[in-house]
Amino acid sequence: MAVTVSFVNMKGGVGKTTLAMQAAYSAGMFGKKVLAVDIDPQANLSQALMRPEPYVRHLREQKPTVVQIFEQYAPPTAAEPSPRPMDVDSIILRRPGAWPNTAPDLIPSRLELARTLKNPTGKERKLAKALAKVSDRYDLIIIDCPPTESILTDAAYFASRFVLVPVKPEFMAAIGLPLLARSLSEFKLENDDQSIDICGIVFNHSSSYSAGPEGRRSIQDVTRIATDQRWRIFTNQVQYSASYAKSAREGAPIIRTSHARRGVAGAFQVFTFEFLNAIGLGTGPT
């Protein structure tokens, strides 16, 4: 059965989607079968893994997305004039993008997912139920979450064994962590039959700026909260590189991105090794 990990931070702009994309690719290069699930209405992970033109074509052809998991039916289209029951297999895209040999499978999102927030009643467990039907096909399921607390956050919690928290070492880096701690604590109290834990905090998009006074202070703030909550902080930080943005445009893993430095790709592989060990999918010491 797959280990499911949600990438969550209540603060936006921390590079969460880029990290989710690269972790999915990198885990595949470690020999893991990976499913990426996009539950952010902005659908940035979907566009990065599929590339923009195929993604737009997918929407124009009215093909199903994660919206159908929450709504439990596929709406009528020109080709199918009646509503149809939701079938999770019809939603999963098999290794989309330009690198099918290494790409993860994908459940894409779309902007209309935001409408499910208007009527959230009874929808919080639907993602977990859908993924339960396919989890035996994968080693790892990565869920990319929006940077706000909502029914989508609860849906990710119900589906997940672990939460990974990307943090950008900058001013107000720790602002979303107390909310995340409270959110997860309340979920555990209400669902004491489920095991869900923070597998770690990773400092993402680190740079030379992080070594300055403000960067050091932000790392200290995050470390203090992590220590209080007994959350692990990953040893390996993910360094900033313009190649990550290029990777998303090219729909490619960082190791296959044009002109990406070897050191950047190698460093991400080291982080992935630590991440896989932290969730019980690794092959060596953490």
Protein backbone atom coordinates (compact mmCIF):
# COMPACT_ATOMS: atom_id res chain seq x y z
CA MET A 1 0.00 0.00 0.00
CA ALA A 2 1.18 3.52 -0.77
CA VAL A 3 2.45 5.96 1.83
CA THR A 4 0.50 9.19 1.34
CA VAL A 5 2.13 12.52 2.16
CA SER A 6 0.46 15.92 1.95
CA PHE A 7 2.63 18.96 1.27
CA VAL A 8 1.12 21.68 3.47
CA ASN A 9 1.94 25.18 4.64
CA MET A 10 -0.72 27.71 5.60
CA LYS A 11 1.60 30.42 4.26
CA GLY A 12 1.83 30.82 0.49
CA GLY A 13 4.91 31.50 -1.60
CA VAL A 14 7.11 28.82 -0.03
CA GLY A 15 7.72 26.81 -3.21
CA LYS A 16 5.44 23.98 -2.12
CA THR A 17 4.25 23.02 -5.61
CA THR A 18 7.76 23.04 -7.05
CA LEU A 19 8.90 20.84 -4.19
CA ALA A 20 5.98 18.45 -4.73
CA MET A 21 6.74 18.20 -8.44
CA GLN A 22 10.44 17.55 -7.98
CA ALA A 23 9.90 15.12 -5.10
CA ALA A 24 7.48 13.12 -7.26
CA TYR A 25 9.97 12.93 -10.13
CA SER A 26 12.91 12.23 -7.84
CA ALA A 27 11.13 9.45 -5.94
CA GLY A 28 10.41 7.86 -9.32
CA MET A 29 14.12 7.92 -10.08
CA PHE A 30 14.63 6.04 -6.80
CA GLY A 31 12.42 3.32 -8.25
CA LYS A 32 9.18 4.29 -6.50
CA LYS A 33 5.80 4.21 -8.19
CA VAL A 34 4.35 7.68 -7.56
CA LEU A 35 0.94 9.30 -7.87
CA ALA A 36 0.75 13.10 -7.63
CA VAL A 37 -2.59 14.56 -6.58
CA ASP A 38 -3.32 18.25 -7.13
CA ILE A 39 -6.02 19.66 -4.83
CA ASP A 40 -5.07 23.31 -5.26
CA PRO A 41 -7.65 25.13 -7.43
CA GLN A 42 -4.80 27.09 -9.00
CA ALA A 43 -3.64 23.78 -10.52
CA ASN A 44 0.02 24.78 -10.74
CA LEU A 45 1.23 21.22 -10.16
CA SER A 46 -1.04 19.96 -12.94
CA GLN A 47 0.30 22.54 -15.37
CA ALA A 48 3.90 21.85 -14.41
CA LEU A 49 3.63 18.06 -14.81
CA MET A 50 1.48 18.16 -17.95
CA ARG A 51 2.95 21.36 -19.47
CA PRO A 52 0.61 24.29 -20.26
CA GLU A 53 -0.64 23.40 -23.75
CA PRO A 54 -1.66 19.80 -22.98
CA TYR A 55 -3.23 21.02 -19.73
CA VAL A 56 -5.37 23.60 -21.55
CA ARG A 57 -6.34 20.95 -24.11
CA HIS A 58 -7.34 18.63 -21.26
CA LEU A 59 -9.72 21.29 -19.96
CA ARG A 60 -11.10 22.19 -23.37
CA GLU A 61 -11.90 18.53 -24.01
CA GLN A 62 -13.76 18.51 -20.68
CA LYS A 63 -11.80 15.59 -19.34
CA PRO A 64 -12.25 14.75 -15.65
CA THR A 65 -10.14 16.24 -12.87
CA VAL A 66 -10.03 15.99 -9.09
CA VAL A 67 -13.27 18.01 -9.10
CA GLN A 68 -15.09 14.82 -10.06
CA ILE A 69 -13.74 13.07 -6.96
CA PHE A 70 -15.33 15.69 -4.72
CA GLU A 71 -18.54 15.97 -6.72
CA GLN A 72 -18.82 12.17 -7.30
CA TYR A 73 -19.95 12.47 -10.90
CA ALA A 74 -18.76 13.56 -14.32
CA PRO A 75 -21.01 16.25 -15.84
CA PRO A 76 -22.64 15.98 -19.27
CA THR A 77 -20.46 16.91 -22.23
CA ALA A 78 -20.94 17.09 -26.00
CA ALA A 79 -19.64 13.52 -26.27
CA GLU A 80 -21.47 12.22 -23.15
CA PRO A 81 -24.88 13.90 -22.90
CA SER A 82 -25.73 12.50 -19.45
CA PRO A 83 -23.99 12.67 -16.06
CA ARG A 84 -21.77 9.68 -15.31
CA PRO A 85 -20.64 8.09 -12.06
CA MET A 86 -17.14 9.03 -10.95
CA ASP A 87 -14.45 6.46 -11.73
CA VAL A 88 -11.07 7.34 -10.25
CA ASP A 89 -9.28 5.37 -12.97
CA SER A 90 -10.76 7.67 -15.60
CA ILE A 91 -9.24 10.67 -13.81
CA ILE A 92 -5.67 9.43 -13.36
CA LEU A 93 -3.29 10.49 -16.12
CA ARG A 94 -0.56 7.93 -16.76
CA ARG A 95 2.88 9.57 -16.69
CA PRO A 96 1.98 12.82 -18.47
CA GLY A 97 4.47 15.36 -19.73
CA ALA A 98 7.66 15.25 -21.72
CA TRP A 99 9.42 12.58 -19.62
CA PRO A 100 7.00 9.61 -19.46
CA ASN A 101 9.70 7.20 -18.31
CA THR A 102 10.20 9.09 -15.05
CA ALA A 103 7.01 11.12 -14.59
CA PRO A 104 4.54 10.30 -11.82
CA ASP A 105 0.92 9.54 -12.55
CA LEU A 106 -1.31 12.54 -11.92
CA ILE A 107 -4.78 13.45 -10.74
CA PRO A 108 -5.04 16.99 -12.13
CA SER A 109 -6.94 19.93 -10.71
CA ARG A 110 -8.72 22.93 -12.17
CA LEU A 111 -9.98 26.32 -10.99
CA GLU A 112 -13.56 25.07 -10.67
CA LEU A 113 -12.44 23.04 -7.64
CA ALA A 114 -12.92 26.26 -5.66
CA ARG A 115 -16.67 25.83 -6.12
CA THR A 116 -16.63 22.75 -3.91
CA LEU A 117 -15.78 25.06 -1.02
CA LYS A 118 -19.23 26.65 -1.33
CA ASN A 119 -20.89 23.37 -0.39
CA PRO A 120 -18.33 21.35 1.57
CA THR A 121 -20.75 19.18 3.56
CA GLY A 122 -19.85 15.49 3.41
CA LYS A 123 -16.94 15.92 1.02
CA GLU A 124 -13.99 15.68 3.41
CA ARG A 125 -13.56 11.88 3.09
CA LYS A 126 -14.17 11.50 -0.65
CA LEU A 127 -10.54 11.95 -1.67
CA ALA A 128 -9.42 9.30 0.83
CA LYS A 129 -12.05 6.86 -0.42
CA ALA A 130 -11.03 7.41 -4.04
CA LEU A 131 -7.32 6.97 -3.34
CA ALA A 132 -8.03 3.80 -1.33
CA LYS A 133 -9.15 2.18 -4.58
CA VAL A 134 -5.76 2.68 -6.24
CA SER A 135 -3.25 2.91 -3.39
CA ASP A 136 -2.06 -0.67 -3.87
CA ARG A 137 -0.62 0.36 -7.25
CA TYR A 138 1.78 2.93 -5.80
CA ASP A 139 4.58 3.27 -3.29
CA LEU A 140 4.07 6.98 -2.72
CA ILE A 141 1.15 9.38 -3.14
CA ILE A 142 1.97 13.10 -2.91
CA ILE A 143 -0.89 15.56 -2.37
CA ASP A 144 -0.22 19.20 -3.20
CA CYS A 145 -2.49 21.34 -1.00
CA PRO A 146 -3.61 24.98 -1.25
CA PRO A 147 -2.11 27.43 1.29
CA THR A 148 -5.34 27.92 3.24
CA GLU A 149 -7.32 25.85 5.74
CA SER A 150 -10.53 24.54 4.20
CA ILE A 151 -12.39 21.35 3.35
CA LEU A 152 -9.51 20.61 0.99
CA THR A 153 -7.10 20.55 3.94
CA ASP A 154 -9.35 18.13 5.80
CA ALA A 155 -9.60 15.97 2.69
CA ALA A 156 -5.81 15.82 2.50
CA TYR A 157 -5.55 14.93 6.19
CA PHE A 158 -8.06 12.09 5.86
CA ALA A 159 -6.07 10.68 2.94
CA SER A 160 -2.60 11.07 4.47
CA ARG A 161 -0.25 9.26 6.82
CA PHE A 162 2.25 12.14 6.86
CA VAL A 163 2.46 15.89 6.30
CA LEU A 164 5.58 17.55 4.88
CA VAL A 165 5.98 21.27 5.60
CA PRO A 166 8.05 23.36 3.17
CA VAL A 167 9.29 26.61 4.71
CA LYS A 168 11.08 29.43 2.92
CA PRO A 169 13.71 30.97 5.25
CA GLU A 170 12.63 34.60 5.08
CA PHE A 171 10.76 37.24 7.08
CA MET A 172 7.59 35.79 8.68
CA ALA A 173 8.64 32.26 7.73
CA ALA A 174 6.99 30.84 10.85
CA ILE A 175 3.66 32.64 10.44
CA GLY A 176 1.72 29.63 9.16
CA LEU A 177 3.16 27.04 11.56
CA PRO A 178 1.00 27.76 14.65
CA LEU A 179 -2.11 27.54 12.47
CA LEU A 180 -0.89 24.25 11.01
CA ALA A 181 -0.15 22.89 14.50
CA ARG A 182 -3.62 23.85 15.70
CA SER A 183 -5.28 22.50 12.56
CA LEU A 184 -3.55 19.13 12.84
CA SER A 185 -4.13 18.91 16.59
CA GLU A 186 -7.87 19.52 16.17
CA PHE A 187 -8.03 16.94 13.39
CA LYS A 188 -6.33 14.33 15.59
CA LEU A 189 -8.70 15.02 18.49
CA GLU A 190 -11.72 14.54 16.25
CA ASN A 191 -10.28 11.50 14.45
CA ASP A 192 -8.32 9.58 17.04
CA ASP A 193 -8.52 6.38 15.01
CA GLN A 194 -6.22 7.82 12.33
CA SER A 195 -2.45 8.18 12.50
CA ILE A 196 -1.15 11.34 10.86
CA ASP A 197 2.15 12.99 11.71
CA ILE A 198 4.48 15.72 10.50
CA CYS A 199 7.30 13.81 8.81
CA GLY A 200 9.39 16.96 8.78
CA ILE A 201 9.99 20.59 7.92
CA VAL A 202 12.22 21.32 4.95
CA PHE A 203 13.81 24.71 4.36
CA ASN A 204 13.00 25.34 0.73
CA HIS A 205 14.41 27.95 -1.68
CA SER A 206 17.37 28.60 0.62
CA SER A 207 19.96 31.00 -0.75
CA SER A 208 22.88 33.17 0.25
CA TYR A 209 20.24 35.50 1.74
CA SER A 210 19.38 32.73 4.22
CA ALA A 211 22.87 33.01 5.66
CA GLY A 212 22.27 36.68 6.54
CA PRO A 213 20.79 38.02 9.79
CA GLU A 214 17.14 37.91 8.67
CA GLY A 215 17.50 34.42 7.22
CA ARG A 216 19.20 33.12 10.35
CA ARG A 217 16.50 34.67 12.53
CA SER A 218 13.71 33.09 10.47
CA ILE A 219 15.40 29.69 10.74
CA GLN A 220 15.69 30.18 14.50
CA ASP A 221 11.97 31.07 14.74
CA VAL A 222 10.96 27.99 12.79
CA THR A 223 13.36 25.78 14.75
CA ARG A 224 11.90 27.00 18.05
CA ILE A 225 8.36 26.11 16.99
CA ALA A 226 9.49 22.77 15.56
CA THR A 227 11.26 21.93 18.82
CA ASP A 228 8.17 22.81 20.86
CA GLN A 229 6.01 20.64 18.60
CA ARG A 230 8.63 17.88 18.37
CA TRP A 231 8.70 18.17 14.61
CA ARG A 232 11.70 17.00 12.67
CA ILE A 233 13.69 19.48 10.58
CA PHE A 234 15.33 17.92 7.56
CA THR A 235 19.09 18.14 7.52
CA ASN A 236 19.21 18.82 3.78
CA GLN A 237 17.85 22.18 2.66
CA VAL A 238 16.61 22.68 -0.91
CA GLN A 239 18.69 25.46 -2.40
CA TYR A 240 17.22 28.19 -4.56
CA SER A 241 17.89 27.86 -8.28
CA ALA A 242 16.30 29.54 -11.31
CA SER A 243 16.38 26.09 -12.87
CA TYR A 244 13.37 25.04 -10.80
CA ALA A 245 11.17 27.59 -12.55
CA LYS A 246 12.60 26.46 -15.88
CA SER A 247 11.90 22.86 -14.89
CA ALA A 248 8.22 23.66 -14.43
CA ARG A 249 8.07 25.40 -17.82
CA GLU A 250 9.73 22.44 -19.49
CA GLY A 251 7.66 19.85 -17.59
CA ALA A 252 10.87 18.06 -16.68
CA PRO A 253 12.61 16.77 -13.56
CA ILE A 254 15.41 19.02 -12.37
CA ILE A 255 17.98 16.45 -13.45
CA ARG A 256 16.65 16.71 -17.04
CA THR A 257 16.15 20.47 -17.12
CA SER A 258 18.20 22.30 -19.72
CA HIS A 259 21.33 23.95 -18.33
CA ALA A 260 20.50 22.99 -14.72
CA ARG A 261 23.65 22.68 -12.68
CA ARG A 262 24.64 19.21 -11.69
CA GLY A 263 25.02 20.29 -8.07
CA VAL A 264 21.41 21.48 -7.90
CA ALA A 265 20.06 18.16 -9.18
CA GLY A 266 22.40 16.20 -6.94
CA ALA A 267 21.38 18.16 -3.85
CA PHE A 268 17.73 17.48 -4.52
CA GLN A 269 18.43 13.77 -4.83
CA VAL A 270 20.08 13.90 -1.40
CA PHE A 271 16.99 15.59 0.05
CA THR A 272 14.73 12.98 -1.58
CA PHE A 273 16.78 10.21 -0.01
CA GLU A 274 16.29 11.79 3.42
CA PHE A 275 12.57 12.34 2.75
CA LEU A 276 11.98 8.73 1.68
CA ASN A 277 13.79 7.47 4.77
CA ALA A 278 11.64 9.72 6.98
CA ILE A 279 8.41 8.14 5.68
CA GLY A 280 9.70 4.59 5.69
CA LEU A 281 10.35 4.19 1.97
CA GLY A 282 14.13 4.63 2.01
CA THR A 283 16.93 2.11 1.85
CA GLY A 284 19.46 3.61 4.18
CA PRO A 285 20.01 5.52 7.42
CA THR A 286 18.48 8.96 7.84
